[in-house]
Amino acid sequence: MAIFNDLPLWQDKNVNKILEELCNKHGVPIEVLKDLVNIEREHQHKERAHGIYDDFDNTLSKMD
Protein backbone atom coordinates (compact mmCIF):
# COMPACT_ATOMS: atom_id res chain seq x y z
CA MET A 1 0.00 0.00 0.00
CA ALA A 2 2.06 2.95 -1.24
CA ILE A 3 -0.50 5.53 -2.29
CA PHE A 4 1.48 8.37 -0.72
CA ASN A 5 4.46 8.12 -3.09
CA ASP A 6 3.04 10.91 -5.25
CA LEU A 7 3.08 13.38 -2.35
CA PRO A 8 6.08 15.75 -2.34
CA LEU A 9 6.28 15.28 1.41
CA TRP A 10 7.48 11.71 1.01
CA GLN A 11 9.92 12.59 -1.78
CA ASP A 12 11.90 15.15 0.24
CA LYS A 13 14.62 13.40 2.25
CA ASN A 14 14.96 16.27 4.73
CA VAL A 15 11.24 16.37 5.44
CA ASN A 16 11.12 12.59 5.71
CA LYS A 17 13.97 12.67 8.23
CA ILE A 18 12.11 15.27 10.31
CA LEU A 19 8.94 13.17 10.20
CA GLU A 20 10.88 10.12 11.36
CA GLU A 21 12.45 12.11 14.21
CA LEU A 22 9.04 13.42 15.30
CA CYS A 23 7.53 9.96 15.14
CA ASN A 24 10.38 8.56 17.24
CA LYS A 25 10.05 11.41 19.75
CA HIS A 26 6.35 10.72 20.21
CA GLY A 27 6.50 6.93 20.00
CA VAL A 28 4.63 6.61 16.72
CA PRO A 29 6.10 4.16 14.21
CA ILE A 30 6.59 5.88 10.85
CA GLU A 31 4.72 3.03 9.18
CA VAL A 32 1.66 3.82 11.28
CA LEU A 33 1.81 7.45 10.13
CA LYS A 34 2.12 6.33 6.51
CA ASP A 35 -0.80 3.91 6.94
CA LEU A 36 -2.96 6.69 8.40
CA VAL A 37 -2.15 8.96 5.46
CA ASN A 38 -3.01 6.14 3.07
CA ILE A 39 -6.33 5.51 4.79
CA GLU A 40 -7.26 9.18 4.59
CA ARG A 41 -6.35 9.32 0.91
CA GLU A 42 -8.32 6.16 0.16
CA HIS A 43 -11.44 7.68 1.69
CA GLN A 44 -11.06 11.33 0.62
CA HIS A 45 -13.06 11.13 -2.61
CA LYS A 46 -15.86 9.00 -1.25
CA GLU A 47 -19.20 10.61 -0.58
CA ARG A 48 -19.16 8.94 2.85
CA ALA A 49 -16.03 7.72 4.54
CA HIS A 50 -17.77 4.55 5.72
CA GLY A 51 -15.33 2.37 7.62
CA ILE A 52 -12.60 4.99 8.01
CA TYR A 53 -12.76 4.90 11.82
CA ASP A 54 -12.44 1.12 11.84
CA ASP A 55 -9.43 1.43 9.54
CA PHE A 56 -7.92 4.08 11.85
CA ASP A 57 -8.54 1.89 14.90
CA ASN A 58 -6.97 -1.15 13.23
CA THR A 59 -3.90 0.86 12.26
CA LEU A 60 -3.52 2.53 15.64
CA SER A 61 -3.84 -0.85 17.38
CA LYS A 62 -0.47 -1.73 15.80
CA MET A 63 1.10 0.65 18.31
CA ASP A 64 0.05 -1.46 21.31
PDB file of N, CA and C in Angstrom:
ATOM      1  N   MET A   1       0.844  -1.173   0.000  1.00  0.00           N
ATOM      2  CA  MET A   1       0.000   0.000   0.000  1.00  0.00           C
ATOM      3  C   MET A   1       0.892   1.240   0.000  1.00  0.00           C
ATOM      4  N   ALA A   2       1.154   1.790  -1.154  1.00  0.00           N
ATOM      5  CA  ALA A   2       2.055   2.948  -1.242  1.00  0.00           C
ATOM      6  C   ALA A   2       1.410   4.071  -2.026  1.00  0.00           C
ATOM      7  N   ILE A   3       0.244   4.473  -1.602  1.00  0.00           N
ATOM      8  CA  ILE A   3      -0.502   5.525  -2.287  1.00  0.00           C
ATOM      9  C   ILE A   3       0.165   6.880  -2.107  1.00  0.00           C
ATOM     10  N   PHE A   4       0.904   7.064  -1.048  1.00  0.00           N
ATOM     11  CA  PHE A   4       1.478   8.369  -0.721  1.00  0.00           C
ATOM     12  C   PHE A   4       2.707   8.734  -1.531  1.00  0.00           C
ATOM     13  N   ASN A   5       3.220   7.853  -2.354  1.00  0.00           N
ATOM     14  CA  ASN A   5       4.459   8.120  -3.088  1.00  0.00           C
ATOM     15  C   ASN A   5       4.377   9.334  -3.999  1.00  0.00           C
ATOM     16  N   ASP A   6       3.172   9.744  -4.387  1.00  0.00           N
ATOM     17  CA  ASP A   6       3.038  10.907  -5.251  1.00  0.00           C
ATOM     18  C   ASP A   6       3.071  12.221  -4.474  1.00  0.00           C
ATOM     19  N   LEU A   7       3.048  12.158  -3.153  1.00  0.00           N
ATOM     20  CA  LEU A   7       3.085  13.376  -2.347  1.00  0.00           C
ATOM     21  C   LEU A   7       4.515  13.887  -2.216  1.00  0.00           C
ATOM     22  N   PRO A   8       4.725  15.181  -2.468  1.00  0.00           N
ATOM     23  CA  PRO A   8       6.079  15.748  -2.343  1.00  0.00           C
ATOM     24  C   PRO A   8       6.683  15.527  -0.956  1.00  0.00           C
ATOM     25  N   LEU A   9       5.823  15.486   0.046  1.00  0.00           N
ATOM     26  CA  LEU A   9       6.280  15.279   1.415  1.00  0.00           C
ATOM     27  C   LEU A   9       7.154  14.039   1.545  1.00  0.00           C
ATOM     28  N   TRP A  10       6.763  12.965   0.886  1.00  0.00           N
ATOM     29  CA  TRP A  10       7.479  11.705   1.014  1.00  0.00           C
ATOM     30  C   TRP A  10       8.694  11.641   0.094  1.00  0.00           C
ATOM     31  N   GLN A  11       8.799  12.565  -0.848  1.00  0.00           N
ATOM     32  CA  GLN A  11       9.923  12.591  -1.779  1.00  0.00           C
ATOM     33  C   GLN A  11      11.121  13.358  -1.216  1.00  0.00           C
ATOM     34  N   ASP A  12      10.863  14.286  -0.320  1.00  0.00           N
ATOM     35  CA  ASP A  12      11.900  15.153   0.239  1.00  0.00           C
ATOM     36  C   ASP A  12      12.596  14.444   1.400  1.00  0.00           C
ATOM     37  N   LYS A  13      13.876  14.147   1.230  1.00  0.00           N
ATOM     38  CA  LYS A  13      14.625  13.400   2.248  1.00  0.00           C
ATOM     39  C   LYS A  13      14.718  14.155   3.568  1.00  0.00           C
ATOM     40  N   ASN A  14      14.861  15.481   3.505  1.00  0.00           N
ATOM     41  CA  ASN A  14      14.958  16.270   4.732  1.00  0.00           C
ATOM     42  C   ASN A  14      13.642  16.246   5.508  1.00  0.00           C
ATOM     43  N   VAL A  15      12.550  16.407   4.803  1.00  0.00           N
ATOM     44  CA  VAL A  15      11.242  16.371   5.443  1.00  0.00           C
ATOM     45  C   VAL A  15      10.978  14.976   6.010  1.00  0.00           C
ATOM     46  N   ASN A  16      11.319  13.964   5.249  1.00  0.00           N
ATOM     47  CA  ASN A  16      11.120  12.592   5.705  1.00  0.00           C
ATOM     48  C   ASN A  16      11.924  12.322   6.977  1.00  0.00           C
ATOM     49  N   LYS A  17      13.129  12.845   7.034  1.00  0.00           N
ATOM     50  CA  LYS A  17      13.966  12.674   8.226  1.00  0.00           C
ATOM     51  C   LYS A  17      13.319  13.355   9.434  1.00  0.00           C
ATOM     52  N   ILE A  18      12.782  14.556   9.227  1.00  0.00           N
ATOM     53  CA  ILE A  18      12.109  15.269  10.313  1.00  0.00           C
ATOM     54  C   ILE A  18      10.883  14.497  10.785  1.00  0.00           C
ATOM     55  N   LEU A  19      10.111  13.973   9.839  1.00  0.00           N
ATOM     56  CA  LEU A  19       8.942  13.168  10.204  1.00  0.00           C
ATOM     57  C   LEU A  19       9.337  11.954  11.031  1.00  0.00           C
ATOM     58  N   GLU A  20      10.400  11.290  10.617  1.00  0.00           N
ATOM     59  CA  GLU A  20      10.875  10.123  11.362  1.00  0.00           C
ATOM     60  C   GLU A  20      11.313  10.516  12.767  1.00  0.00           C
ATOM     61  N   GLU A  21      12.010  11.645  12.891  1.00  0.00           N
ATOM     62  CA  GLU A  21      12.450  12.110  14.210  1.00  0.00           C
ATOM     63  C   GLU A  21      11.254  12.435  15.097  1.00  0.00           C
ATOM     64  N   LEU A  22      10.243  13.095  14.530  1.00  0.00           N
ATOM     65  CA  LEU A  22       9.039  13.420  15.301  1.00  0.00           C
ATOM     66  C   LEU A  22       8.285  12.159  15.718  1.00  0.00           C
ATOM     67  N   CYS A  23       8.202  11.218  14.809  1.00  0.00           N
ATOM     68  CA  CYS A  23       7.534   9.957  15.139  1.00  0.00           C
ATOM     69  C   CYS A  23       8.274   9.242  16.267  1.00  0.00           C
ATOM     70  N   ASN A  24       9.582   9.192  16.186  1.00  0.00           N
ATOM     71  CA  ASN A  24      10.376   8.560  17.241  1.00  0.00           C
ATOM     72  C   ASN A  24      10.190   9.275  18.568  1.00  0.00           C
ATOM     73  N   LYS A  25      10.204  10.612  18.531  1.00  0.00           N
ATOM     74  CA  LYS A  25      10.053  11.412  19.746  1.00  0.00           C
ATOM     75  C   LYS A  25       8.724  11.125  20.437  1.00  0.00           C
ATOM     76  N   HIS A  26       7.683  10.900  19.647  1.00  0.00           N
ATOM     77  CA  HIS A  26       6.345  10.724  20.207  1.00  0.00           C
ATOM     78  C   HIS A  26       5.891   9.264  20.228  1.00  0.00           C
ATOM     79  N   GLY A  27       6.797   8.354  19.901  1.00  0.00           N
ATOM     80  CA  GLY A  27       6.502   6.930  19.998  1.00  0.00           C
ATOM     81  C   GLY A  27       5.523   6.412  18.963  1.00  0.00           C
ATOM     82  N   VAL A  28       5.522   7.038  17.794  1.00  0.00           N
ATOM     83  CA  VAL A  28       4.634   6.613  16.718  1.00  0.00           C
ATOM     84  C   VAL A  28       5.489   6.018  15.604  1.00  0.00           C
ATOM     85  N   PRO A  29       5.330   4.747  15.310  1.00  0.00           N
ATOM     86  CA  PRO A  29       6.097   4.162  14.211  1.00  0.00           C
ATOM     87  C   PRO A  29       5.773   4.881  12.889  1.00  0.00           C
ATOM     88  N   ILE A  30       6.783   5.177  12.105  1.00  0.00           N
ATOM     89  CA  ILE A  30       6.593   5.884  10.846  1.00  0.00           C
ATOM     90  C   ILE A  30       5.638   5.132   9.931  1.00  0.00           C
ATOM     91  N   GLU A  31       5.637   3.822  10.006  1.00  0.00           N
ATOM     92  CA  GLU A  31       4.722   3.028   9.180  1.00  0.00           C
ATOM     93  C   GLU A  31       3.269   3.276   9.565  1.00  0.00           C
ATOM     94  N   VAL A  32       3.019   3.507  10.837  1.00  0.00           N
ATOM     95  CA  VAL A  32       1.659   3.823  11.278  1.00  0.00           C
ATOM     96  C   VAL A  32       1.233   5.166  10.687  1.00  0.00           C
ATOM     97  N   LEU A  33       2.114   6.145  10.733  1.00  0.00           N
ATOM     98  CA  LEU A  33       1.809   7.448  10.126  1.00  0.00           C
ATOM     99  C   LEU A  33       1.514   7.295   8.641  1.00  0.00           C
ATOM    100  N   LYS A  34       2.326   6.544   7.948  1.00  0.00           N
ATOM    101  CA  LYS A  34       2.118   6.327   6.512  1.00  0.00           C
ATOM    102  C   LYS A  34       0.794   5.610   6.253  1.00  0.00           C
ATOM    103  N   ASP A  35       0.470   4.623   7.092  1.00  0.00           N
ATOM    104  CA  ASP A  35      -0.795   3.915   6.938  1.00  0.00           C
ATOM    105  C   ASP A  35      -1.983   4.852   7.155  1.00  0.00           C
ATOM    106  N   LEU A  36      -1.881   5.746   8.144  1.00  0.00           N
ATOM    107  CA  LEU A  36      -2.965   6.693   8.399  1.00  0.00           C
ATOM    108  C   LEU A  36      -3.160   7.649   7.227  1.00  0.00           C
ATOM    109  N   VAL A  37      -2.056   8.097   6.643  1.00  0.00           N
ATOM    110  CA  VAL A  37      -2.148   8.963   5.459  1.00  0.00           C
ATOM    111  C   VAL A  37      -2.810   8.200   4.313  1.00  0.00           C
ATOM    112  N   ASN A  38      -2.416   6.961   4.132  1.00  0.00           N
ATOM    113  CA  ASN A  38      -3.013   6.141   3.071  1.00  0.00           C
ATOM    114  C   ASN A  38      -4.513   5.958   3.279  1.00  0.00           C
ATOM    115  N   ILE A  39      -4.911   5.689   4.502  1.00  0.00           N
ATOM    116  CA  ILE A  39      -6.333   5.508   4.794  1.00  0.00           C
ATOM    117  C   ILE A  39      -7.106   6.773   4.449  1.00  0.00           C
ATOM    118  N   GLU A  40      -6.598   7.899   4.888  1.00  0.00           N
ATOM    119  CA  GLU A  40      -7.255   9.175   4.594  1.00  0.00           C
ATOM    120  C   GLU A  40      -7.380   9.391   3.091  1.00  0.00           C
ATOM    121  N   ARG A  41      -6.331   9.114   2.365  1.00  0.00           N
ATOM    122  CA  ARG A  41      -6.349   9.322   0.914  1.00  0.00           C
ATOM    123  C   ARG A  41      -7.296   8.345   0.221  1.00  0.00           C
ATOM    124  N   GLU A  42      -7.400   7.131   0.737  1.00  0.00           N
ATOM    125  CA  GLU A  42      -8.319   6.158   0.157  1.00  0.00           C
ATOM    126  C   GLU A  42      -9.769   6.598   0.310  1.00  0.00           C
ATOM    127  N   HIS A  43     -10.066   7.295   1.384  1.00  0.00           N
ATOM    128  CA  HIS A  43     -11.440   7.684   1.685  1.00  0.00           C
ATOM    129  C   HIS A  43     -11.785   9.111   1.253  1.00  0.00           C
ATOM    130  N   GLN A  44     -10.826   9.907   0.836  1.00  0.00           N
ATOM    131  CA  GLN A  44     -11.064  11.334   0.622  1.00  0.00           C
ATOM    132  C   GLN A  44     -12.048  11.653  -0.497  1.00  0.00           C
ATOM    133  N   HIS A  45     -12.174  10.824  -1.488  1.00  0.00           N
ATOM    134  CA  HIS A  45     -13.063  11.126  -2.606  1.00  0.00           C
ATOM    135  C   HIS A  45     -14.401  10.403  -2.515  1.00  0.00           C
ATOM    136  N   LYS A  46     -14.593   9.684  -1.438  1.00  0.00           N
ATOM    137  CA  LYS A  46     -15.862   8.997  -1.249  1.00  0.00           C
ATOM    138  C   LYS A  46     -16.897   9.977  -0.706  1.00  0.00           C
ATOM    139  N   GLU A  47     -18.122   9.759  -1.085  1.00  0.00           N
ATOM    140  CA  GLU A  47     -19.201  10.612  -0.578  1.00  0.00           C
ATOM    141  C   GLU A  47     -19.318  10.464   0.940  1.00  0.00           C
ATOM    142  N   ARG A  48     -19.180   9.225   1.413  1.00  0.00           N
ATOM    143  CA  ARG A  48     -19.157   8.943   2.845  1.00  0.00           C
ATOM    144  C   ARG A  48     -17.914   8.118   3.129  1.00  0.00           C
ATOM    145  N   ALA A  49     -17.257   8.446   4.179  1.00  0.00           N
ATOM    146  CA  ALA A  49     -16.035   7.715   4.537  1.00  0.00           C
ATOM    147  C   ALA A  49     -16.379   6.522   5.415  1.00  0.00           C
ATOM    148  N   HIS A  50     -17.323   5.718   4.958  1.00  0.00           N
ATOM    149  CA  HIS A  50     -17.768   4.548   5.716  1.00  0.00           C
ATOM    150  C   HIS A  50     -16.590   3.608   5.981  1.00  0.00           C
ATOM    151  N   GLY A  51     -16.383   3.302   7.243  1.00  0.00           N
ATOM    152  CA  GLY A  51     -15.330   2.370   7.623  1.00  0.00           C
ATOM    153  C   GLY A  51     -13.999   3.021   7.948  1.00  0.00           C
ATOM    154  N   ILE A  52     -13.900   4.340   7.780  1.00  0.00           N
ATOM    155  CA  ILE A  52     -12.601   4.992   8.007  1.00  0.00           C
ATOM    156  C   ILE A  52     -12.172   4.863   9.471  1.00  0.00           C
ATOM    157  N   TYR A  53     -13.130   4.980  10.404  1.00  0.00           N
ATOM    158  CA  TYR A  53     -12.764   4.897  11.817  1.00  0.00           C
ATOM    159  C   TYR A  53     -12.297   3.494  12.194  1.00  0.00           C
ATOM    160  N   ASP A  54     -12.911   2.497  11.618  1.00  0.00           N
ATOM    161  CA  ASP A  54     -12.440   1.123  11.845  1.00  0.00           C
ATOM    162  C   ASP A  54     -11.031   0.947  11.300  1.00  0.00           C
ATOM    163  N   ASP A  55     -10.772   1.513  10.125  1.00  0.00           N
ATOM    164  CA  ASP A  55      -9.428   1.431   9.540  1.00  0.00           C
ATOM    165  C   ASP A  55      -8.414   2.150  10.421  1.00  0.00           C
ATOM    166  N   PHE A  56      -8.803   3.340  10.936  1.00  0.00           N
ATOM    167  CA  PHE A  56      -7.916   4.078  11.849  1.00  0.00           C
ATOM    168  C   PHE A  56      -7.650   3.249  13.104  1.00  0.00           C
ATOM    169  N   ASP A  57      -8.700   2.697  13.686  1.00  0.00           N
ATOM    170  CA  ASP A  57      -8.544   1.886  14.905  1.00  0.00           C
ATOM    171  C   ASP A  57      -7.626   0.693  14.666  1.00  0.00           C
ATOM    172  N   ASN A  58      -7.812   0.007  13.541  1.00  0.00           N
ATOM    173  CA  ASN A  58      -6.966  -1.150  13.231  1.00  0.00           C
ATOM    174  C   ASN A  58      -5.505  -0.735  13.089  1.00  0.00           C
ATOM    175  N   THR A  59      -5.272   0.390  12.444  1.00  0.00           N
ATOM    176  CA  THR A  59      -3.903   0.863  12.258  1.00  0.00           C
ATOM    177  C   THR A  59      -3.289   1.299  13.582  1.00  0.00           C
ATOM    178  N   LEU A  60      -4.046   2.050  14.364  1.00  0.00           N
ATOM    179  CA  LEU A  60      -3.519   2.526  15.645  1.00  0.00           C
ATOM    180  C   LEU A  60      -3.302   1.388  16.640  1.00  0.00           C
ATOM    181  N   SER A  61      -4.030   0.294  16.492  1.00  0.00           N
ATOM    182  CA  SER A  61      -3.837  -0.846  17.384  1.00  0.00           C
ATOM    183  C   SER A  61      -2.471  -1.499  17.163  1.00  0.00           C
ATOM    184  N   LYS A  62      -1.820  -1.199  16.043  1.00  0.00           N
ATOM    185  CA  LYS A  62      -0.472  -1.726  15.798  1.00  0.00           C
ATOM    186  C   LYS A  62       0.551  -1.129  16.749  1.00  0.00           C
ATOM    187  N   MET A  63       0.166  -0.023  17.390  1.00  0.00           N
ATOM    188  CA  MET A  63       1.098   0.651  18.314  1.00  0.00           C
ATOM    189  C   MET A  63       1.109   0.014  19.691  1.00  0.00           C
ATOM    190  N   ASP A  64       0.128  -0.827  19.978  1.00  0.00           N
ATOM    191  CA  ASP A  64       0.050  -1.456  21.313  1.00  0.00           C
ATOM    192  C   ASP A  64       1.146  -2.464  21.520  1.00  0.00           C
TER     193      ASP A  64
END
